[in-house]
């Protein structure tokens, strides 16, 4: 299983707009990905309600994981998006 640990770069955490950006990117990756706060149960990264339910705050560590083909590249892109707190989807997503 491929995994990335990353700190949330959005100051407000994964709430509203940042969560929407992240969920769109996770869905666009075409790879099933889970997201979890360190030590918590993983949830579907393509589900807006699940991502909002995490309550991930700015600076908190999250874990992205997938065991699908192409997971390494997808997780790398998603980890970069989360870490940098990008305000819109980059062309590479």
N, C-alpha and C. Protein backbone atom coordinates (compact mmCIF):
# COMPACT_ATOMS: atom_id res chain seq x y z
N UNK A 1 0.84 -1.18 0.00
CA UNK A 1 0.00 0.00 0.00
C UNK A 1 0.89 1.24 0.00
N UNK A 2 0.61 2.14 -0.93
CA UNK A 2 1.33 3.42 -0.98
C UNK A 2 0.72 4.37 0.04
N UNK A 3 1.56 5.17 0.65
CA UNK A 3 1.09 6.07 1.70
C UNK A 3 1.92 7.35 1.69
N UNK A 4 1.27 8.47 1.98
CA UNK A 4 1.95 9.76 2.14
C UNK A 4 1.43 10.41 3.42
N UNK A 5 2.36 10.88 4.24
CA UNK A 5 2.01 11.66 5.43
C UNK A 5 2.36 13.11 5.12
N UNK A 6 1.41 13.99 5.37
CA UNK A 6 1.61 15.39 5.01
C UNK A 6 0.86 16.28 5.99
N UNK A 7 1.40 17.46 6.25
CA UNK A 7 0.73 18.44 7.09
C UNK A 7 -0.15 19.34 6.24
N UNK A 8 -1.35 19.61 6.73
CA UNK A 8 -2.32 20.42 6.01
C UNK A 8 -1.79 21.85 5.89
N UNK A 9 -1.66 22.32 4.66
CA UNK A 9 -1.10 23.66 4.40
C UNK A 9 -2.12 24.78 4.42
N UNK A 10 -3.40 24.47 4.36
CA UNK A 10 -4.43 25.52 4.43
C UNK A 10 -4.57 25.95 5.88
N UNK A 11 -4.48 27.23 6.16
CA UNK A 11 -4.57 27.74 7.53
C UNK A 11 -5.89 27.34 8.19
N UNK A 12 -6.97 27.33 7.42
CA UNK A 12 -8.28 26.99 7.97
C UNK A 12 -8.54 25.48 8.00
N UNK A 13 -7.56 24.71 7.55
CA UNK A 13 -7.71 23.25 7.54
C UNK A 13 -8.52 22.79 6.34
N UNK A 14 -8.94 21.53 6.39
CA UNK A 14 -9.73 20.97 5.29
C UNK A 14 -11.21 21.24 5.53
N UNK A 15 -11.60 22.50 5.37
CA UNK A 15 -12.98 22.92 5.56
C UNK A 15 -13.45 23.66 4.32
N UNK A 16 -14.71 23.50 3.98
CA UNK A 16 -15.39 24.19 2.88
C UNK A 16 -14.57 24.22 1.59
N UNK A 17 -14.04 25.38 1.22
CA UNK A 17 -13.36 25.51 -0.07
C UNK A 17 -12.14 24.59 -0.19
N UNK A 18 -11.23 24.54 0.78
CA UNK A 18 -10.09 23.63 0.64
C UNK A 18 -10.52 22.17 0.51
N UNK A 19 -11.54 21.77 1.25
CA UNK A 19 -12.02 20.38 1.15
C UNK A 19 -12.58 20.13 -0.23
N UNK A 20 -13.29 21.09 -0.78
CA UNK A 20 -13.85 20.96 -2.12
C UNK A 20 -12.74 20.80 -3.16
N UNK A 21 -11.70 21.59 -3.05
CA UNK A 21 -10.55 21.50 -3.96
C UNK A 21 -9.89 20.13 -3.84
N UNK A 22 -9.69 19.68 -2.61
CA UNK A 22 -9.06 18.38 -2.39
C UNK A 22 -9.91 17.25 -2.94
N UNK A 23 -11.21 17.25 -2.67
CA UNK A 23 -12.10 16.18 -3.13
C UNK A 23 -12.14 16.13 -4.65
N UNK A 24 -12.19 17.29 -5.31
CA UNK A 24 -12.17 17.31 -6.78
C UNK A 24 -10.87 16.70 -7.31
N UNK A 25 -9.76 17.01 -6.66
CA UNK A 25 -8.47 16.46 -7.09
C UNK A 25 -8.42 14.95 -6.85
N UNK A 26 -8.92 14.50 -5.71
CA UNK A 26 -8.94 13.07 -5.41
C UNK A 26 -9.79 12.31 -6.42
N UNK A 27 -10.93 12.88 -6.77
CA UNK A 27 -11.81 12.26 -7.75
C UNK A 27 -11.16 12.24 -9.13
N UNK A 28 -10.52 13.35 -9.50
CA UNK A 28 -9.88 13.46 -10.81
C UNK A 28 -8.69 12.52 -10.95
N UNK A 29 -8.10 12.09 -9.84
CA UNK A 29 -6.93 11.21 -9.91
C UNK A 29 -7.27 9.85 -10.54
N UNK A 30 -8.54 9.46 -10.46
CA UNK A 30 -8.94 8.18 -11.02
C UNK A 30 -8.47 6.98 -10.20
N UNK A 31 -7.95 7.24 -9.03
CA UNK A 31 -7.42 6.20 -8.15
C UNK A 31 -8.17 6.28 -6.82
N UNK A 32 -8.66 5.14 -6.29
CA UNK A 32 -9.30 5.20 -4.98
C UNK A 32 -8.28 5.53 -3.89
N UNK A 33 -8.53 6.62 -3.17
CA UNK A 33 -7.61 7.10 -2.15
C UNK A 33 -8.37 7.26 -0.84
N UNK A 34 -7.70 6.96 0.26
CA UNK A 34 -8.28 7.23 1.57
C UNK A 34 -7.47 8.35 2.23
N UNK A 35 -8.12 9.03 3.17
CA UNK A 35 -7.47 10.09 3.93
C UNK A 35 -7.83 9.87 5.40
N UNK A 36 -6.88 10.12 6.27
CA UNK A 36 -7.11 9.97 7.70
C UNK A 36 -6.23 10.93 8.47
N UNK A 37 -6.71 11.31 9.64
CA UNK A 37 -5.84 12.00 10.58
C UNK A 37 -4.97 10.92 11.20
N UNK A 38 -3.77 11.27 11.58
CA UNK A 38 -2.84 10.29 12.16
C UNK A 38 -3.52 9.58 13.33
N UNK A 39 -3.53 8.24 13.26
CA UNK A 39 -4.10 7.45 14.34
C UNK A 39 -5.60 7.23 14.25
N UNK A 40 -6.28 7.79 13.25
CA UNK A 40 -7.73 7.64 13.10
C UNK A 40 -8.05 6.74 11.92
N UNK A 41 -9.29 6.32 11.83
CA UNK A 41 -9.73 5.47 10.73
C UNK A 41 -9.77 6.25 9.43
N UNK A 42 -9.33 5.63 8.33
CA UNK A 42 -9.35 6.31 7.02
C UNK A 42 -10.76 6.41 6.45
N UNK A 43 -10.97 7.46 5.65
CA UNK A 43 -12.24 7.68 4.96
C UNK A 43 -11.96 7.90 3.48
N UNK A 44 -12.98 7.79 2.67
CA UNK A 44 -12.88 7.98 1.23
C UNK A 44 -12.52 9.44 0.91
N UNK A 45 -11.40 9.65 0.24
CA UNK A 45 -10.92 11.00 -0.08
C UNK A 45 -11.78 11.68 -1.14
N UNK A 46 -12.63 10.92 -1.85
CA UNK A 46 -13.49 11.50 -2.88
C UNK A 46 -14.87 11.86 -2.33
N UNK A 47 -15.06 11.75 -1.03
CA UNK A 47 -16.34 12.07 -0.40
C UNK A 47 -16.23 13.38 0.39
N UNK A 48 -16.96 14.38 -0.06
CA UNK A 48 -16.92 15.69 0.61
C UNK A 48 -17.33 15.57 2.08
N UNK A 49 -18.40 14.85 2.36
CA UNK A 49 -18.85 14.72 3.75
C UNK A 49 -17.82 14.01 4.61
N UNK A 50 -17.18 12.98 4.06
CA UNK A 50 -16.17 12.24 4.82
C UNK A 50 -14.96 13.13 5.12
N UNK A 51 -14.52 13.89 4.13
CA UNK A 51 -13.36 14.77 4.31
C UNK A 51 -13.68 15.88 5.32
N UNK A 52 -14.85 16.48 5.22
CA UNK A 52 -15.25 17.50 6.19
C UNK A 52 -15.35 16.90 7.59
N UNK A 53 -15.82 15.65 7.67
CA UNK A 53 -15.97 14.98 8.95
C UNK A 53 -14.66 14.72 9.69
N UNK A 54 -13.56 14.74 8.95
CA UNK A 54 -12.25 14.55 9.60
C UNK A 54 -11.94 15.68 10.57
N UNK A 55 -12.36 16.88 10.21
CA UNK A 55 -12.04 18.03 11.05
C UNK A 55 -10.56 18.35 11.07
N UNK A 56 -9.86 18.08 9.96
CA UNK A 56 -8.42 18.32 9.90
C UNK A 56 -8.13 19.82 9.92
N UNK A 57 -7.31 20.22 10.85
CA UNK A 57 -6.94 21.63 11.04
C UNK A 57 -5.64 21.95 10.31
N UNK A 58 -5.40 23.23 10.06
CA UNK A 58 -4.15 23.67 9.46
C UNK A 58 -2.96 23.20 10.29
N UNK A 59 -1.96 22.62 9.64
CA UNK A 59 -0.77 22.15 10.32
C UNK A 59 -0.85 20.73 10.83
N UNK A 60 -2.06 20.18 10.89
CA UNK A 60 -2.23 18.80 11.36
C UNK A 60 -1.74 17.80 10.33
N UNK A 61 -1.23 16.67 10.79
CA UNK A 61 -0.77 15.63 9.88
C UNK A 61 -1.95 14.77 9.44
N UNK A 62 -2.00 14.50 8.13
CA UNK A 62 -2.96 13.56 7.58
C UNK A 62 -2.21 12.48 6.83
N UNK A 63 -2.88 11.35 6.62
CA UNK A 63 -2.29 10.22 5.92
C UNK A 63 -3.14 9.93 4.69
N UNK A 64 -2.52 9.96 3.52
CA UNK A 64 -3.17 9.60 2.27
C UNK A 64 -2.68 8.21 1.90
N UNK A 65 -3.59 7.34 1.46
CA UNK A 65 -3.17 5.97 1.13
C UNK A 65 -4.00 5.41 -0.01
N UNK A 66 -3.39 4.48 -0.75
CA UNK A 66 -4.07 3.76 -1.81
C UNK A 66 -3.24 2.53 -2.17
N UNK A 67 -3.93 1.47 -2.58
CA UNK A 67 -3.21 0.28 -3.03
C UNK A 67 -3.50 0.00 -4.50
N UNK A 68 -4.06 0.97 -5.21
CA UNK A 68 -4.40 0.81 -6.62
C UNK A 68 -3.19 1.07 -7.52
N UNK A 69 -3.30 0.59 -8.74
CA UNK A 69 -2.26 0.87 -9.73
C UNK A 69 -2.25 2.39 -10.00
N UNK A 70 -1.08 2.97 -10.05
CA UNK A 70 -0.95 4.41 -10.25
C UNK A 70 -1.05 5.22 -8.97
N UNK A 71 -1.07 4.52 -7.83
CA UNK A 71 -1.24 5.19 -6.54
C UNK A 71 -0.10 6.14 -6.21
N UNK A 72 1.14 5.74 -6.50
CA UNK A 72 2.30 6.58 -6.14
C UNK A 72 2.18 7.99 -6.73
N UNK A 73 1.89 8.06 -8.02
CA UNK A 73 1.79 9.37 -8.69
C UNK A 73 0.60 10.16 -8.17
N UNK A 74 -0.53 9.49 -7.98
CA UNK A 74 -1.73 10.18 -7.48
C UNK A 74 -1.51 10.73 -6.08
N UNK A 75 -0.92 9.92 -5.21
CA UNK A 75 -0.67 10.37 -3.84
C UNK A 75 0.33 11.51 -3.80
N UNK A 76 1.31 11.48 -4.67
CA UNK A 76 2.30 12.57 -4.72
C UNK A 76 1.62 13.89 -5.08
N UNK A 77 0.73 13.86 -6.08
CA UNK A 77 0.01 15.08 -6.49
C UNK A 77 -0.91 15.58 -5.38
N UNK A 78 -1.64 14.66 -4.75
CA UNK A 78 -2.55 15.06 -3.68
C UNK A 78 -1.79 15.58 -2.46
N UNK A 79 -0.68 14.95 -2.13
CA UNK A 79 0.13 15.40 -0.99
C UNK A 79 0.65 16.82 -1.24
N UNK A 80 1.07 17.09 -2.45
CA UNK A 80 1.56 18.43 -2.79
C UNK A 80 0.44 19.46 -2.66
N UNK A 81 -0.74 19.12 -3.15
CA UNK A 81 -1.89 20.01 -3.07
C UNK A 81 -2.20 20.35 -1.61
N UNK A 82 -2.22 19.33 -0.76
CA UNK A 82 -2.54 19.54 0.66
C UNK A 82 -1.44 20.33 1.36
N UNK A 83 -0.19 19.96 1.14
CA UNK A 83 0.93 20.59 1.83
C UNK A 83 1.06 22.07 1.46
N UNK A 84 0.85 22.38 0.19
CA UNK A 84 1.02 23.75 -0.27
C UNK A 84 -0.23 24.60 -0.08
N UNK A 85 -1.36 23.97 0.26
CA UNK A 85 -2.59 24.72 0.48
C UNK A 85 -3.02 25.49 -0.75
N UNK A 86 -2.92 24.87 -1.92
CA UNK A 86 -3.24 25.55 -3.17
C UNK A 86 -4.71 25.96 -3.21
N UNK A 87 -4.99 27.11 -3.78
CA UNK A 87 -6.34 27.65 -3.83
C UNK A 87 -7.12 27.24 -5.07
N UNK A 88 -6.47 26.58 -6.00
CA UNK A 88 -7.16 26.03 -7.15
C UNK A 88 -6.39 24.81 -7.63
N UNK A 89 -7.06 24.00 -8.43
CA UNK A 89 -6.42 22.78 -8.91
C UNK A 89 -5.32 23.11 -9.90
N UNK A 90 -4.14 22.56 -9.70
CA UNK A 90 -3.06 22.76 -10.68
C UNK A 90 -3.35 21.95 -11.94
N UNK A 91 -2.71 22.31 -13.02
CA UNK A 91 -2.90 21.62 -14.30
C UNK A 91 -2.53 20.14 -14.21
N UNK A 92 -1.64 19.79 -13.30
CA UNK A 92 -1.15 18.41 -13.22
C UNK A 92 -2.09 17.47 -12.50
N UNK A 93 -3.18 17.97 -11.95
CA UNK A 93 -4.12 17.09 -11.22
C UNK A 93 -5.13 16.54 -12.19
